[in-house]
Protein backbone atom coordinates (compact mmCIF):
# COMPACT_ATOMS: atom_id res chain seq x y z
CA UNK A 1 127.22 34.56 169.36
CA UNK A 2 126.98 37.30 171.94
CA UNK A 3 128.21 39.69 169.25
CA UNK A 4 125.32 38.70 166.98
CA UNK A 5 122.84 39.26 169.82
CA UNK A 6 124.21 42.75 170.40
CA UNK A 7 124.12 43.41 166.65
CA UNK A 8 120.44 42.50 166.40
CA UNK A 9 119.69 44.53 169.53
CA UNK A 10 121.24 47.61 167.92
CA UNK A 11 119.28 46.97 164.72
CA UNK A 12 116.09 46.71 166.80
CA UNK A 13 116.82 49.98 168.59
CA UNK A 14 117.57 51.83 165.36
CA UNK A 15 114.47 50.40 163.65
CA UNK A 16 112.32 51.35 166.64
CA UNK A 17 113.73 54.88 166.60
CA UNK A 18 112.71 55.26 162.95
CA UNK A 19 109.26 53.77 163.58
CA UNK A 20 109.65 50.40 161.90
CA UNK A 21 107.78 48.36 164.49
CA UNK A 22 107.73 45.04 162.67
CA UNK A 23 111.42 45.03 161.91
CA UNK A 24 112.25 46.21 165.44
CA UNK A 25 110.14 43.47 167.00
CA UNK A 26 111.66 40.77 164.84
CA UNK A 27 115.22 41.96 165.46
CA UNK A 28 114.56 42.17 169.21
CA UNK A 29 113.15 38.62 169.20
CA UNK A 30 116.21 37.32 167.33
CA UNK A 31 118.48 39.11 169.81
CA UNK A 32 116.64 37.51 172.74
CA UNK A 33 116.85 34.03 171.22
CA UNK A 34 120.56 34.39 170.48
CA UNK A 35 121.22 35.69 174.00
CA UNK A 36 119.40 32.74 175.56
CA UNK A 37 121.31 30.30 173.35
CA UNK A 38 124.54 32.04 174.38
CA UNK A 39 123.66 31.70 178.06
CA UNK A 40 122.78 28.01 177.68
CA UNK A 41 126.01 27.23 175.84
CA UNK A 42 128.00 29.21 178.40
CA UNK A 43 126.39 27.29 181.27
CA UNK A 44 127.06 23.95 179.56
CA UNK A 45 130.66 24.95 178.95
CA UNK A 46 131.07 26.02 182.56
CA UNK A 47 129.62 22.76 183.92
CA UNK A 48 131.77 20.62 181.60
CA UNK A 49 134.85 22.58 182.62
CA UNK A 50 134.09 22.11 186.31
CA UNK A 51 133.39 18.40 185.89
CA UNK A 52 136.57 17.76 183.94
CA UNK A 53 138.59 19.75 186.46
CA UNK A 54 141.04 20.93 183.87
CA UNK A 55 142.44 24.38 183.49
CA UNK A 56 141.90 26.27 180.25
CA UNK A 57 144.88 26.19 177.89
CA UNK A 58 147.26 29.11 178.22
CA UNK A 59 148.14 31.00 175.06
């Protein structure tokens, strides 16, 4: 998910460089939403891991 956020951020930067304001704004908004969703899921995962007290599986 973080990869998608970075992807849309790059699209927004490229679109802004070429002067496509609408596309840049939309891509930047999508990147922000995906980043926030990533942070929320990461926080939930961290809390669940701490509550369960288990170690992550080793490969």
